Amino acid sequence: MHVSLTPELEARVKAKVETGLYNNASEVIREALRFMETHEDWIHEIKLARLREQLQAGLDQLDRGEGVAIRSKGALDALFQDIQG
């Protein structure tokens, strides 16, 4: 596989190798990809936690009798229009 990097990114990879923490550019790229995967997992967990919070808030509202009855498709469409602004 061949990967093209901008001069700035290539310089950053070379600088990482020059620190002695990595033996070569491939190690730097592998580590960056592992970090990216971990970061994506972290973002996913944050989004999931936020969704759970929002769902709980909705359930709490329903428990307090603050729900809105939707009795027709037109009412549902109107609600979605209100949400979208």
PDB file of N, CA and C in Angstrom:
ATOM      1  N   MET A   1       0.840  -1.170   0.000  1.00  0.00           N
ATOM      2  CA  MET A   1       0.000   0.000   0.000  1.00  0.00           C
ATOM      3  C   MET A   1       0.889   1.237   0.000  1.00  0.00           C
ATOM      4  N   HIS A   2       0.466   2.213  -0.756  1.00  0.00           N
ATOM      5  CA  HIS A   2       1.199   3.472  -0.822  1.00  0.00           C
ATOM      6  C   HIS A   2       0.278   4.576  -0.332  1.00  0.00           C
ATOM      7  N   VAL A   3       0.783   5.420   0.561  1.00  0.00           N
ATOM      8  CA  VAL A   3      -0.011   6.508   1.116  1.00  0.00           C
ATOM      9  C   VAL A   3       0.692   7.822   0.827  1.00  0.00           C
ATOM     10  N   SER A   4      -0.059   8.790   0.315  1.00  0.00           N
ATOM     11  CA  SER A   4       0.497  10.110   0.051  1.00  0.00           C
ATOM     12  C   SER A   4       0.146  11.036   1.206  1.00  0.00           C
ATOM     13  N   LEU A   5       1.135  11.745   1.702  1.00  0.00           N
ATOM     14  CA  LEU A   5       0.931  12.695   2.786  1.00  0.00           C
ATOM     15  C   LEU A   5       1.322  14.085   2.318  1.00  0.00           C
ATOM     16  N   THR A   6       0.699  15.077   2.914  1.00  0.00           N
ATOM     17  CA  THR A   6       1.115  16.442   2.637  1.00  0.00           C
ATOM     18  C   THR A   6       2.514  16.619   3.227  1.00  0.00           C
ATOM     19  N   PRO A   7       3.254  17.594   2.748  1.00  0.00           N
ATOM     20  CA  PRO A   7       4.581  17.834   3.325  1.00  0.00           C
ATOM     21  C   PRO A   7       4.533  18.045   4.842  1.00  0.00           C
ATOM     22  N   GLU A   8       3.514  18.740   5.330  1.00  0.00           N
ATOM     23  CA  GLU A   8       3.392  18.982   6.764  1.00  0.00           C
ATOM     24  C   GLU A   8       3.201  17.669   7.534  1.00  0.00           C
ATOM     25  N   LEU A   9       2.316  16.807   7.040  1.00  0.00           N
ATOM     26  CA  LEU A   9       2.094  15.522   7.719  1.00  0.00           C
ATOM     27  C   LEU A   9       3.329  14.630   7.641  1.00  0.00           C
ATOM     28  N   GLU A  10       3.992  14.644   6.504  1.00  0.00           N
ATOM     29  CA  GLU A  10       5.215  13.851   6.375  1.00  0.00           C
ATOM     30  C   GLU A  10       6.262  14.325   7.380  1.00  0.00           C
ATOM     31  N   ALA A  11       6.379  15.635   7.547  1.00  0.00           N
ATOM     32  CA  ALA A  11       7.336  16.184   8.517  1.00  0.00           C
ATOM     33  C   ALA A  11       6.963  15.767   9.936  1.00  0.00           C
ATOM     34  N   ARG A  12       5.679  15.744  10.230  1.00  0.00           N
ATOM     35  CA  ARG A  12       5.234  15.330  11.570  1.00  0.00           C
ATOM     36  C   ARG A  12       5.560  13.864  11.822  1.00  0.00           C
ATOM     37  N   VAL A  13       5.359  13.030  10.820  1.00  0.00           N
ATOM     38  CA  VAL A  13       5.678  11.603  10.971  1.00  0.00           C
ATOM     39  C   VAL A  13       7.183  11.440  11.181  1.00  0.00           C
ATOM     40  N   LYS A  14       7.983  12.120  10.368  1.00  0.00           N
ATOM     41  CA  LYS A  14       9.442  12.034  10.510  1.00  0.00           C
ATOM     42  C   LYS A  14       9.887  12.513  11.891  1.00  0.00           C
ATOM     43  N   ALA A  15       9.260  13.577  12.386  1.00  0.00           N
ATOM     44  CA  ALA A  15       9.604  14.107  13.712  1.00  0.00           C
ATOM     45  C   ALA A  15       9.302  13.074  14.796  1.00  0.00           C
ATOM     46  N   LYS A  16       8.214  12.350  14.658  1.00  0.00           N
ATOM     47  CA  LYS A  16       7.881  11.307  15.635  1.00  0.00           C
ATOM     48  C   LYS A  16       8.926  10.202  15.620  1.00  0.00           C
ATOM     49  N   VAL A  17       9.368   9.816  14.439  1.00  0.00           N
ATOM     50  CA  VAL A  17      10.401   8.777  14.330  1.00  0.00           C
ATOM     51  C   VAL A  17      11.701   9.289  14.954  1.00  0.00           C
ATOM     52  N   GLU A  18      12.031  10.542  14.710  1.00  0.00           N
ATOM     53  CA  GLU A  18      13.275  11.118  15.224  1.00  0.00           C
ATOM     54  C   GLU A  18      13.304  11.206  16.747  1.00  0.00           C
ATOM     55  N   THR A  19      12.121  11.193  17.396  1.00  0.00           N
ATOM     56  CA  THR A  19      12.108  11.216  18.863  1.00  0.00           C
ATOM     57  C   THR A  19      12.621   9.911  19.447  1.00  0.00           C
ATOM     58  N   GLY A  20      12.631   8.863  18.626  1.00  0.00           N
ATOM     59  CA  GLY A  20      13.066   7.562  19.095  1.00  0.00           C
ATOM     60  C   GLY A  20      11.947   6.708  19.665  1.00  0.00           C
ATOM     61  N   LEU A  21      10.747   7.260  19.760  1.00  0.00           N
ATOM     62  CA  LEU A  21       9.617   6.484  20.263  1.00  0.00           C
ATOM     63  C   LEU A  21       9.118   5.470  19.240  1.00  0.00           C
ATOM     64  N   TYR A  22       9.407   5.722  17.978  1.00  0.00           N
ATOM     65  CA  TYR A  22       8.993   4.834  16.894  1.00  0.00           C
ATOM     66  C   TYR A  22      10.213   4.477  16.063  1.00  0.00           C
ATOM     67  N   ASN A  23      10.223   3.255  15.555  1.00  0.00           N
ATOM     68  CA  ASN A  23      11.345   2.813  14.729  1.00  0.00           C
ATOM     69  C   ASN A  23      11.241   3.289  13.289  1.00  0.00           C
ATOM     70  N   ASN A  24      10.015   3.501  12.821  1.00  0.00           N
ATOM     71  CA  ASN A  24       9.831   3.900  11.426  1.00  0.00           C
ATOM     72  C   ASN A  24       8.463   4.552  11.243  1.00  0.00           C
ATOM     73  N   ALA A  25       8.240   5.049  10.030  1.00  0.00           N
ATOM     74  CA  ALA A  25       6.991   5.752   9.730  1.00  0.00           C
ATOM     75  C   ALA A  25       5.783   4.836   9.845  1.00  0.00           C
ATOM     76  N   SER A  26       5.936   3.577   9.497  1.00  0.00           N
ATOM     77  CA  SER A  26       4.817   2.636   9.584  1.00  0.00           C
ATOM     78  C   SER A  26       4.298   2.518  11.014  1.00  0.00           C
ATOM     79  N   GLU A  27       5.213   2.498  11.981  1.00  0.00           N
ATOM     80  CA  GLU A  27       4.785   2.430  13.384  1.00  0.00           C
ATOM     81  C   GLU A  27       3.996   3.670  13.771  1.00  0.00           C
ATOM     82  N   VAL A  28       4.422   4.817  13.302  1.00  0.00           N
ATOM     83  CA  VAL A  28       3.711   6.063  13.607  1.00  0.00           C
ATOM     84  C   VAL A  28       2.297   6.003  13.035  1.00  0.00           C
ATOM     85  N   ILE A  29       2.187   5.576  11.783  1.00  0.00           N
ATOM     86  CA  ILE A  29       0.878   5.508  11.132  1.00  0.00           C
ATOM     87  C   ILE A  29      -0.019   4.482  11.817  1.00  0.00           C
ATOM     88  N   ARG A  30       0.535   3.321  12.176  1.00  0.00           N
ATOM     89  CA  ARG A  30      -0.267   2.306  12.875  1.00  0.00           C
ATOM     90  C   ARG A  30      -0.789   2.855  14.198  1.00  0.00           C
ATOM     91  N   GLU A  31       0.085   3.537  14.937  1.00  0.00           N
ATOM     92  CA  GLU A  31      -0.329   4.119  16.223  1.00  0.00           C
ATOM     93  C   GLU A  31      -1.406   5.178  16.014  1.00  0.00           C
ATOM     94  N   ALA A  32      -1.267   5.990  14.990  1.00  0.00           N
ATOM     95  CA  ALA A  32      -2.260   7.024  14.693  1.00  0.00           C
ATOM     96  C   ALA A  32      -3.606   6.387  14.358  1.00  0.00           C
ATOM     97  N   LEU A  33      -3.588   5.297  13.614  1.00  0.00           N
ATOM     98  CA  LEU A  33      -4.835   4.611  13.264  1.00  0.00           C
ATOM     99  C   LEU A  33      -5.480   3.981  14.490  1.00  0.00           C
ATOM    100  N   ARG A  34      -4.670   3.421  15.380  1.00  0.00           N
ATOM    101  CA  ARG A  34      -5.215   2.870  16.628  1.00  0.00           C
ATOM    102  C   ARG A  34      -5.844   3.976  17.467  1.00  0.00           C
ATOM    103  N   PHE A  35      -5.168   5.105  17.533  1.00  0.00           N
ATOM    104  CA  PHE A  35      -5.702   6.243  18.274  1.00  0.00           C
ATOM    105  C   PHE A  35      -7.020   6.710  17.669  1.00  0.00           C
ATOM    106  N   MET A  36      -7.072   6.775  16.346  1.00  0.00           N
ATOM    107  CA  MET A  36      -8.279   7.207  15.659  1.00  0.00           C
ATOM    108  C   MET A  36      -9.442   6.263  15.980  1.00  0.00           C
ATOM    109  N   GLU A  37      -9.172   4.974  15.987  1.00  0.00           N
ATOM    110  CA  GLU A  37     -10.207   3.998  16.306  1.00  0.00           C
ATOM    111  C   GLU A  37     -10.696   4.172  17.747  1.00  0.00           C
ATOM    112  N   THR A  38      -9.767   4.364  18.668  1.00  0.00           N
ATOM    113  CA  THR A  38     -10.129   4.582  20.068  1.00  0.00           C
ATOM    114  C   THR A  38     -10.953   5.855  20.216  1.00  0.00           C
ATOM    115  N   HIS A  39     -10.547   6.900  19.503  1.00  0.00           N
ATOM    116  CA  HIS A  39     -11.263   8.174  19.542  1.00  0.00           C
ATOM    117  C   HIS A  39     -12.692   8.004  19.020  1.00  0.00           C
ATOM    118  N   GLU A  40     -12.841   7.267  17.915  1.00  0.00           N
ATOM    119  CA  GLU A  40     -14.175   7.039  17.356  1.00  0.00           C
ATOM    120  C   GLU A  40     -15.044   6.261  18.339  1.00  0.00           C
ATOM    121  N   ASP A  41     -14.469   5.270  19.013  1.00  0.00           N
ATOM    122  CA  ASP A  41     -15.215   4.508  20.025  1.00  0.00           C
ATOM    123  C   ASP A  41     -15.654   5.422  21.165  1.00  0.00           C
ATOM    124  N   TRP A  42     -14.771   6.304  21.591  1.00  0.00           N
ATOM    125  CA  TRP A  42     -15.068   7.246  22.668  1.00  0.00           C
ATOM    126  C   TRP A  42     -16.210   8.180  22.272  1.00  0.00           C
ATOM    127  N   ILE A  43     -16.156   8.716  21.062  1.00  0.00           N
ATOM    128  CA  ILE A  43     -17.210   9.602  20.567  1.00  0.00           C
ATOM    129  C   ILE A  43     -18.538   8.849  20.518  1.00  0.00           C
ATOM    130  N   HIS A  44     -18.500   7.601  20.057  1.00  0.00           N
ATOM    131  CA  HIS A  44     -19.711   6.774  20.003  1.00  0.00           C
ATOM    132  C   HIS A  44     -20.308   6.617  21.400  1.00  0.00           C
ATOM    133  N   GLU A  45     -19.466   6.349  22.390  1.00  0.00           N
ATOM    134  CA  GLU A  45     -19.943   6.183  23.770  1.00  0.00           C
ATOM    135  C   GLU A  45     -20.549   7.470  24.316  1.00  0.00           C
ATOM    136  N   ILE A  46     -19.951   8.613  23.985  1.00  0.00           N
ATOM    137  CA  ILE A  46     -20.488   9.901  24.425  1.00  0.00           C
ATOM    138  C   ILE A  46     -21.863  10.141  23.807  1.00  0.00           C
ATOM    139  N   LYS A  47     -21.985   9.868  22.504  1.00  0.00           N
ATOM    140  CA  LYS A  47     -23.269  10.050  21.837  1.00  0.00           C
ATOM    141  C   LYS A  47     -24.325   9.114  22.413  1.00  0.00           C
ATOM    142  N   LEU A  48     -23.933   7.884  22.683  1.00  0.00           N
ATOM    143  CA  LEU A  48     -24.861   6.913  23.252  1.00  0.00           C
ATOM    144  C   LEU A  48     -25.313   7.349  24.650  1.00  0.00           C
ATOM    145  N   ALA A  49     -24.393   7.843  25.459  1.00  0.00           N
ATOM    146  CA  ALA A  49     -24.743   8.322  26.797  1.00  0.00           C
ATOM    147  C   ALA A  49     -25.699   9.506  26.706  1.00  0.00           C
ATOM    148  N   ARG A  50     -25.461  10.406  25.780  1.00  0.00           N
ATOM    149  CA  ARG A  50     -26.347  11.570  25.596  1.00  0.00           C
ATOM    150  C   ARG A  50     -27.733  11.118  25.161  1.00  0.00           C
ATOM    151  N   LEU A  51     -27.800  10.163  24.263  1.00  0.00           N
ATOM    152  CA  LEU A  51     -29.089   9.638  23.820  1.00  0.00           C
ATOM    153  C   LEU A  51     -29.841   9.002  24.984  1.00  0.00           C
ATOM    154  N   ARG A  52     -29.118   8.251  25.817  1.00  0.00           N
ATOM    155  CA  ARG A  52     -29.757   7.649  26.991  1.00  0.00           C
ATOM    156  C   ARG A  52     -30.304   8.724  27.933  1.00  0.00           C
ATOM    157  N   GLU A  53     -29.557   9.812  28.113  1.00  0.00           N
ATOM    158  CA  GLU A  53     -30.021  10.915  28.953  1.00  0.00           C
ATOM    159  C   GLU A  53     -31.305  11.520  28.390  1.00  0.00           C
ATOM    160  N   GLN A  54     -31.321  11.721  27.074  1.00  0.00           N
ATOM    161  CA  GLN A  54     -32.498  12.303  26.441  1.00  0.00           C
ATOM    162  C   GLN A  54     -33.700  11.366  26.543  1.00  0.00           C
ATOM    163  N   LEU A  55     -33.468  10.077  26.360  1.00  0.00           N
ATOM    164  CA  LEU A  55     -34.556   9.107  26.504  1.00  0.00           C
ATOM    165  C   LEU A  55     -35.101   9.100  27.930  1.00  0.00           C
ATOM    166  N   GLN A  56     -34.205   9.167  28.904  1.00  0.00           N
ATOM    167  CA  GLN A  56     -34.643   9.186  30.302  1.00  0.00           C
ATOM    168  C   GLN A  56     -35.443  10.449  30.595  1.00  0.00           C
ATOM    169  N   ALA A  57     -35.007  11.573  30.051  1.00  0.00           N
ATOM    170  CA  ALA A  57     -35.752  12.822  30.243  1.00  0.00           C
ATOM    171  C   ALA A  57     -37.153  12.691  29.657  1.00  0.00           C
ATOM    172  N   GLY A  58     -37.273  12.064  28.499  1.00  0.00           N
ATOM    173  CA  GLY A  58     -38.580  11.845  27.887  1.00  0.00           C
ATOM    174  C   GLY A  58     -39.447  10.914  28.718  1.00  0.00           C
ATOM    175  N   LEU A  59     -38.843   9.854  29.228  1.00  0.00           N
ATOM    176  CA  LEU A  59     -39.599   8.933  30.084  1.00  0.00           C
ATOM    177  C   LEU A  59     -40.064   9.632  31.359  1.00  0.00           C
ATOM    178  N   ASP A  60     -39.208  10.469  31.922  1.00  0.00           N
ATOM    179  CA  ASP A  60     -39.583  11.226  33.120  1.00  0.00           C
ATOM    180  C   ASP A  60     -40.759  12.155  32.823  1.00  0.00           C
ATOM    181  N   GLN A  61     -40.740  12.794  31.650  1.00  0.00           N
ATOM    182  CA  GLN A  61     -41.850  13.668  31.262  1.00  0.00           C
ATOM    183  C   GLN A  61     -43.144  12.867  31.128  1.00  0.00           C
ATOM    184  N   LEU A  62     -43.053  11.698  30.516  1.00  0.00           N
ATOM    185  CA  LEU A  62     -44.245  10.855  30.393  1.00  0.00           C
ATOM    186  C   LEU A  62     -44.766  10.445  31.757  1.00  0.00           C
ATOM    187  N   ASP A  63     -43.858  10.101  32.668  1.00  0.00           N
ATOM    188  CA  ASP A  63     -44.270   9.717  34.024  1.00  0.00           C
ATOM    189  C   ASP A  63     -44.993  10.859  34.733  1.00  0.00           C
ATOM    190  N   ARG A  64     -44.632  12.116  34.404  1.00  0.00           N
ATOM    191  CA  ARG A  64     -45.272  13.279  35.019  1.00  0.00           C
ATOM    192  C   ARG A  64     -46.541  13.699  34.273  1.00  0.00           C
ATOM    193  N   GLY A  65     -46.890  12.927  33.236  1.00  0.00           N
ATOM    194  CA  GLY A  65     -48.089  13.247  32.450  1.00  0.00           C
ATOM    195  C   GLY A  65     -47.897  14.384  31.479  1.00  0.00           C
ATOM    196  N   GLU A  66     -46.663  14.652  31.106  1.00  0.00           N
ATOM    197  CA  GLU A  66     -46.363  15.766  30.203  1.00  0.00           C
ATOM    198  C   GLU A  66     -46.244  15.328  28.749  1.00  0.00           C
ATOM    199  N   GLY A  67     -46.698  14.134  28.432  1.00  0.00           N
ATOM    200  CA  GLY A  67     -46.609  13.628  27.055  1.00  0.00           C
ATOM    201  C   GLY A  67     -47.610  14.309  26.143  1.00  0.00           C
ATOM    202  N   VAL A  68     -47.372  14.213  24.852  1.00  0.00           N
ATOM    203  CA  VAL A  68     -48.273  14.780  23.850  1.00  0.00           C
ATOM    204  C   VAL A  68     -48.873  13.619  23.067  1.00  0.00           C
ATOM    205  N   ALA A  69     -50.196  13.553  23.023  1.00  0.00           N
ATOM    206  CA  ALA A  69     -50.876  12.492  22.269  1.00  0.00           C
ATOM    207  C   ALA A  69     -50.871  12.850  20.786  1.00  0.00           C
ATOM    208  N   ILE A  70     -50.420  11.932  19.982  1.00  0.00           N
ATOM    209  CA  ILE A  70     -50.419  12.104  18.530  1.00  0.00           C
ATOM    210  C   ILE A  70     -51.486  11.160  17.981  1.00  0.00           C
ATOM    211  N   ARG A  71     -52.534  11.724  17.405  1.00  0.00           N
ATOM    212  CA  ARG A  71     -53.665  10.905  16.992  1.00  0.00           C
ATOM    213  C   ARG A  71     -53.801  10.782  15.481  1.00  0.00           C
ATOM    214  N   SER A  72     -52.930  11.448  14.746  1.00  0.00           N
ATOM    215  CA  SER A  72     -53.023  11.344  13.286  1.00  0.00           C
ATOM    216  C   SER A  72     -51.651  11.588  12.671  1.00  0.00           C
ATOM    217  N   LYS A  73     -51.526  11.164  11.413  1.00  0.00           N
ATOM    218  CA  LYS A  73     -50.271  11.395  10.700  1.00  0.00           C
ATOM    219  C   LYS A  73     -50.030  12.895  10.531  1.00  0.00           C
ATOM    220  N   GLY A  74     -51.095  13.639  10.309  1.00  0.00           N
ATOM    221  CA  GLY A  74     -50.965  15.089  10.164  1.00  0.00           C
ATOM    222  C   GLY A  74     -50.416  15.739  11.422  1.00  0.00           C
ATOM    223  N   ALA A  75     -50.865  15.269  12.578  1.00  0.00           N
ATOM    224  CA  ALA A  75     -50.366  15.803  13.845  1.00  0.00           C
ATOM    225  C   ALA A  75     -48.897  15.455  14.033  1.00  0.00           C
ATOM    226  N   LEU A  76     -48.537  14.253  13.620  1.00  0.00           N
ATOM    227  CA  LEU A  76     -47.131  13.838  13.711  1.00  0.00           C
ATOM    228  C   LEU A  76     -46.265  14.683  12.783  1.00  0.00           C
ATOM    229  N   ASP A  77     -46.742  14.897  11.562  1.00  0.00           N
ATOM    230  CA  ASP A  77     -46.001  15.743  10.615  1.00  0.00           C
ATOM    231  C   ASP A  77     -45.822  17.155  11.165  1.00  0.00           C
ATOM    232  N   ALA A  78     -46.880  17.686  11.776  1.00  0.00           N
ATOM    233  CA  ALA A  78     -46.796  19.038  12.359  1.00  0.00           C
ATOM    234  C   ALA A  78     -45.777  19.079  13.495  1.00  0.00           C
ATOM    235  N   LEU A  79     -45.764  18.033  14.318  1.00  0.00           N
ATOM    236  CA  LEU A  79     -44.796  17.977  15.412  1.00  0.00           C
ATOM    237  C   LEU A  79     -43.374  17.977  14.867  1.00  0.00           C
ATOM    238  N   PHE A  80     -43.122  17.177  13.832  1.00  0.00           N
ATOM    239  CA  PHE A  80     -41.785  17.133  13.241  1.00  0.00           C
ATOM    240  C   PHE A  80     -41.408  18.482  12.616  1.00  0.00           C
ATOM    241  N   GLN A  81     -42.376  19.164  12.025  1.00  0.00           N
ATOM    242  CA  GLN A  81     -42.104  20.494  11.464  1.00  0.00           C
ATOM    243  C   GLN A  81     -41.702  21.463  12.575  1.00  0.00           C
ATOM    244  N   ASP A  82     -42.394  21.388  13.716  1.00  0.00           N
ATOM    245  CA  ASP A  82     -42.053  22.242  14.850  1.00  0.00           C
ATOM    246  C   ASP A  82     -40.647  21.957  15.353  1.00  0.00           C
ATOM    247  N   ILE A  83     -40.297  20.668  15.405  1.00  0.00           N
ATOM    248  CA  ILE A  83     -38.969  20.276  15.891  1.00  0.00           C
ATOM    249  C   ILE A  83     -37.883  20.779  14.950  1.00  0.00           C
ATOM    250  N   GLN A  84     -38.125  20.668  13.650  1.00  0.00           N
ATOM    251  CA  GLN A  84     -37.121  21.081  12.656  1.00  0.00           C
ATOM    252  C   GLN A  84     -37.024  22.588  12.533  1.00  0.00           C
ATOM    253  N   GLY A  85     -38.026  23.279  12.966  1.00  0.00           N
ATOM    254  CA  GLY A  85     -37.987  24.754  12.929  1.00  0.00           C
ATOM    255  C   GLY A  85     -38.438  25.251  11.653  1.00  0.00           C
TER     256      GLY A  85
END
